[in-house]
Amino acid sequence: MRQAILSGALVCLLLPAAACKIVPNPDPNDQSEALASQTDEARMAAYVDANWESQVLPVIAEHEVAYDTWRQALAQGLDAAGEAHGLRPDGEANPWNFVVSGTGTVTEAKLDSRAAKMQVDMDGDGAADVVLQLGPIIRGTAMRDAMPFVVFTDFRDQIEFAKLARAMNERASAGLTRPEGDVIGQTVSFTGVFTLRAAGDTPEIVPVEIEMGATP
């Protein structure tokens, strides 16, 4: 090996400078090299994993509000509820995001799908008031947009930013203890995040915690 290296160096000395260039092997421990070789999806997943415990969950804990309290605030208008309990990226044109916790009764469930979800009655009238998106395929960008530390200009472009939203949804789904079997009529307690664009819309919540209870 030593002889081969010396031979290569001798050849470079004999050739014009432009004809020969010694390029060092990349350091396998260099983090920048490793990140550059990853796909967008892998880098966004790594970003989410690195920040989930230290930043995402603390934001959720800090802004969590009981569902009934949130409903009372919403009765005064969406912006009133947003000013009291909401999160959103800079700019009044952006919709409000909320973190709520509560307990309700499952009225409908679709658990045998990659877009699994449950509809939940929160006030006892028999009609669903919220939808819990269990995933792993989850609609929306609420998890991303509720995080104050996530800033669009910190990312390469809109495509990468969209993949961040998907990675956050997948991480939320992966952390759930997933319900099984016939859950209709069972109680469910949850904490989750959702975006609300109009006061009359049904919240489609991305839960970070769910716990199934017995039939009331």
Protein backbone atom coordinates (compact mmCIF):
# COMPACT_ATOMS: atom_id res chain seq x y z
CA MET A 1 0.00 0.00 0.00
CA ARG A 2 2.84 2.40 0.92
CA GLN A 3 4.59 1.63 -2.36
CA ALA A 4 1.40 2.36 -4.35
CA ILE A 5 0.97 5.73 -2.64
CA LEU A 6 4.60 6.70 -3.32
CA SER A 7 4.23 5.62 -6.96
CA GLY A 8 1.11 7.76 -7.34
CA ALA A 9 2.83 10.77 -5.84
CA LEU A 10 5.85 10.29 -8.16
CA VAL A 11 3.56 10.18 -11.21
CA CYS A 12 1.96 13.46 -10.14
CA LEU A 13 5.36 15.08 -9.81
CA LEU A 14 6.23 14.10 -13.38
CA LEU A 15 2.93 15.29 -14.92
CA PRO A 16 1.77 18.90 -15.32
CA ALA A 17 0.00 20.25 -12.24
CA ALA A 18 -3.36 20.47 -14.02
CA ALA A 19 -3.23 16.83 -15.06
CA CYS A 20 -3.08 15.32 -11.61
CA LYS A 21 -4.87 16.18 -8.40
CA ILE A 22 -4.80 14.24 -5.16
CA VAL A 23 -8.30 14.17 -3.67
CA PRO A 24 -8.64 13.02 -0.06
CA ASN A 25 -11.13 10.29 0.71
CA PRO A 26 -14.28 11.61 2.44
CA ASP A 27 -14.32 11.20 6.20
CA PRO A 28 -17.11 8.70 7.02
CA ASN A 29 -17.53 10.47 10.38
CA ASP A 30 -18.10 13.88 8.78
CA GLN A 31 -21.76 14.74 9.51
CA SER A 32 -22.02 17.17 6.60
CA GLU A 33 -20.97 14.43 4.19
CA ALA A 34 -23.56 12.06 5.66
CA LEU A 35 -26.36 14.65 5.47
CA ALA A 36 -25.51 15.54 1.89
CA SER A 37 -25.86 11.90 0.85
CA GLN A 38 -29.32 11.50 2.41
CA THR A 39 -32.64 11.94 0.63
CA ASP A 40 -34.92 14.81 1.60
CA GLU A 41 -37.19 12.35 3.37
CA ALA A 42 -34.33 10.91 5.43
CA ARG A 43 -33.00 14.34 6.37
CA MET A 44 -36.43 15.60 7.42
CA ALA A 45 -37.04 12.44 9.46
CA ALA A 46 -33.67 12.94 11.17
CA TYR A 47 -34.53 16.60 11.84
CA VAL A 48 -37.83 15.62 13.45
CA ASP A 49 -36.23 12.87 15.57
CA ALA A 50 -33.57 15.32 16.77
CA ASN A 51 -36.16 17.91 17.84
CA TRP A 52 -39.15 15.81 18.94
CA GLU A 53 -38.34 15.40 22.62
CA SER A 54 -36.45 18.65 23.07
CA GLN A 55 -38.73 21.07 21.19
CA VAL A 56 -41.91 19.59 19.72
CA LEU A 57 -43.31 17.97 22.86
CA PRO A 58 -42.49 21.00 25.07
CA VAL A 59 -44.39 23.29 22.66
CA ILE A 60 -47.38 20.95 22.83
CA ALA A 61 -47.26 20.80 26.63
CA GLU A 62 -46.99 24.58 26.93
CA HIS A 63 -49.95 25.36 24.65
CA GLU A 64 -52.25 22.47 25.50
CA VAL A 65 -55.79 23.55 26.43
CA ALA A 66 -58.82 21.50 27.43
CA TYR A 67 -61.27 20.95 24.60
CA ASP A 68 -64.17 22.50 26.55
CA THR A 69 -62.09 25.61 27.31
CA TRP A 70 -61.17 25.90 23.66
CA ARG A 71 -64.83 25.59 22.60
CA GLN A 72 -65.80 28.38 24.96
CA ALA A 73 -63.12 30.62 23.47
CA LEU A 74 -64.20 29.67 19.93
CA ALA A 75 -67.74 30.85 20.73
CA GLN A 76 -66.26 34.36 20.80
CA GLY A 77 -64.85 33.94 17.29
CA LEU A 78 -61.94 32.16 15.65
CA ASP A 79 -59.51 35.04 16.08
CA ALA A 80 -60.49 35.38 19.74
CA ALA A 81 -59.75 31.68 20.28
CA GLY A 82 -56.53 32.06 18.32
CA GLU A 83 -55.34 35.02 20.34
CA ALA A 84 -56.10 33.14 23.55
CA HIS A 85 -54.81 29.68 22.70
CA GLY A 86 -53.57 29.51 19.10
CA LEU A 87 -50.27 29.13 17.30
CA ARG A 88 -49.49 30.13 13.75
CA PRO A 89 -46.57 31.13 11.54
CA ASP A 90 -45.91 34.85 11.13
CA GLY A 91 -48.53 36.59 9.04
CA GLU A 92 -52.22 37.20 9.61
CA ALA A 93 -53.10 35.29 6.42
CA ASN A 94 -51.95 32.02 8.00
CA PRO A 95 -54.61 29.88 9.74
CA TRP A 96 -54.63 29.23 13.48
CA ASN A 97 -53.35 25.98 14.94
CA PHE A 98 -54.40 24.66 18.34
CA VAL A 99 -53.32 22.01 20.85
CA VAL A 100 -56.25 20.45 22.71
CA SER A 101 -56.80 17.58 25.08
CA GLY A 102 -60.07 15.91 25.99
CA THR A 103 -62.12 12.76 26.34
CA GLY A 104 -65.01 11.65 24.17
CA THR A 105 -66.86 8.66 22.78
CA VAL A 106 -65.96 7.00 19.50
CA THR A 107 -68.89 7.17 17.07
CA GLU A 108 -67.14 5.84 13.97
CA ALA A 109 -63.75 4.31 13.23
CA LYS A 110 -61.69 3.21 10.26
CA LEU A 111 -58.67 1.41 11.62
CA ASP A 112 -57.83 -0.95 8.73
CA SER A 113 -56.43 1.81 6.55
CA ARG A 114 -53.13 3.61 6.24
CA ALA A 115 -55.21 6.75 6.70
CA ALA A 116 -56.78 5.38 9.89
CA LYS A 117 -59.03 7.70 11.86
CA MET A 118 -61.72 7.84 14.52
CA GLN A 119 -64.66 10.22 14.85
CA VAL A 120 -65.37 11.29 18.41
CA ASP A 121 -68.39 12.78 20.19
CA MET A 122 -67.14 15.32 22.74
CA ASP A 123 -70.40 16.65 24.20
CA GLY A 124 -72.57 13.56 24.55
CA ASP A 125 -75.10 14.36 21.83
CA GLY A 126 -74.20 11.31 19.75
CA ALA A 127 -72.70 13.32 16.88
CA ALA A 128 -68.98 13.48 16.10
CA ASP A 129 -67.30 16.76 17.02
CA VAL A 130 -63.70 15.94 16.14
CA VAL A 131 -61.75 13.51 13.97
CA LEU A 132 -58.58 11.86 15.27
CA GLN A 133 -56.14 11.13 12.44
CA LEU A 134 -54.16 8.04 13.42
CA GLY A 135 -52.29 7.61 10.16
CA PRO A 136 -49.63 6.84 9.24
CA ILE A 137 -51.03 8.83 6.29
CA ILE A 138 -52.23 12.10 7.81
CA ARG A 139 -53.69 15.12 6.07
CA GLY A 140 -52.53 18.65 6.76
CA THR A 141 -49.52 20.53 8.10
CA ALA A 142 -50.74 21.39 11.62
CA MET A 143 -47.86 19.67 13.43
CA ARG A 144 -45.31 21.65 11.44
CA ASP A 145 -47.16 24.97 11.44
CA ALA A 146 -47.81 24.93 15.19
CA MET A 147 -44.09 24.85 15.96
CA PRO A 148 -42.65 28.36 16.57
CA PHE A 149 -39.08 27.14 16.05
CA VAL A 150 -39.83 25.93 12.50
CA VAL A 151 -39.16 28.75 10.02
CA PHE A 152 -39.65 28.31 6.28
CA THR A 153 -36.45 30.18 5.35
CA ASP A 154 -34.40 27.63 7.29
CA PHE A 155 -35.27 25.05 4.63
CA ARG A 156 -34.18 24.70 1.03
CA ASP A 157 -37.54 25.18 -0.71
CA GLN A 158 -41.26 24.47 -0.56
CA ILE A 159 -40.72 20.82 -1.49
CA GLU A 160 -38.40 20.20 1.44
CA PHE A 161 -40.77 22.12 3.74
CA ALA A 162 -43.68 19.90 2.65
CA LYS A 163 -41.60 16.80 3.38
CA LEU A 164 -40.94 18.17 6.86
CA ALA A 165 -44.70 18.30 7.49
CA ARG A 166 -45.05 14.70 6.37
CA ALA A 167 -42.15 13.59 8.58
CA MET A 168 -43.73 15.27 11.61
CA ASN A 169 -47.07 13.61 10.93
CA GLU A 170 -45.42 10.21 10.57
CA ARG A 171 -43.50 10.72 13.83
CA ALA A 172 -46.71 11.59 15.66
CA SER A 173 -48.43 8.49 14.26
CA ALA A 174 -45.50 6.24 15.13
CA GLY A 175 -45.66 7.29 18.77
CA LEU A 176 -49.28 6.23 19.31
CA THR A 177 -50.54 3.11 21.01
CA ARG A 178 -52.89 2.12 18.24
CA PRO A 179 -56.43 0.95 19.07
CA GLU A 180 -57.60 -2.38 17.72
CA GLY A 181 -60.87 -4.20 17.25
CA ASP A 182 -64.33 -2.71 17.68
CA VAL A 183 -63.86 0.66 19.37
CA ILE A 184 -67.32 2.10 18.64
CA GLY A 185 -68.85 3.31 21.90
CA GLN A 186 -65.56 3.31 23.79
CA THR A 187 -64.18 6.42 25.37
CA VAL A 188 -60.91 7.87 24.10
CA SER A 189 -58.67 10.45 25.74
CA PHE A 190 -56.25 12.37 23.56
CA THR A 191 -53.88 15.28 23.15
CA GLY A 192 -53.31 16.57 19.65
CA VAL A 193 -52.79 19.40 17.21
CA PHE A 194 -55.03 20.71 14.45
CA THR A 195 -55.49 23.61 12.05
CA LEU A 196 -58.79 25.49 11.96
CA ARG A 197 -59.57 27.75 9.01
CA ALA A 198 -63.19 28.52 9.88
CA ALA A 199 -65.02 28.36 13.20
CA GLY A 200 -67.59 25.89 11.84
CA ASP A 201 -65.05 23.37 10.55
CA THR A 202 -64.65 19.99 12.24
CA PRO A 203 -61.21 19.75 13.86
CA GLU A 204 -59.09 17.05 12.22
CA ILE A 205 -56.67 16.40 15.03
CA VAL A 206 -53.20 14.87 14.78
CA PRO A 207 -52.87 13.17 18.19
CA VAL A 208 -49.57 12.74 19.95
CA GLU A 209 -51.26 10.74 22.74
CA ILE A 210 -54.37 8.58 22.81
CA GLU A 211 -55.71 6.25 25.45
CA MET A 212 -58.71 4.03 24.98
CA GLY A 213 -61.11 3.48 27.84
CA ALA A 214 -63.98 1.15 28.55
CA THR A 215 -67.49 1.52 27.23
CA PRO A 216 -69.18 4.14 29.44
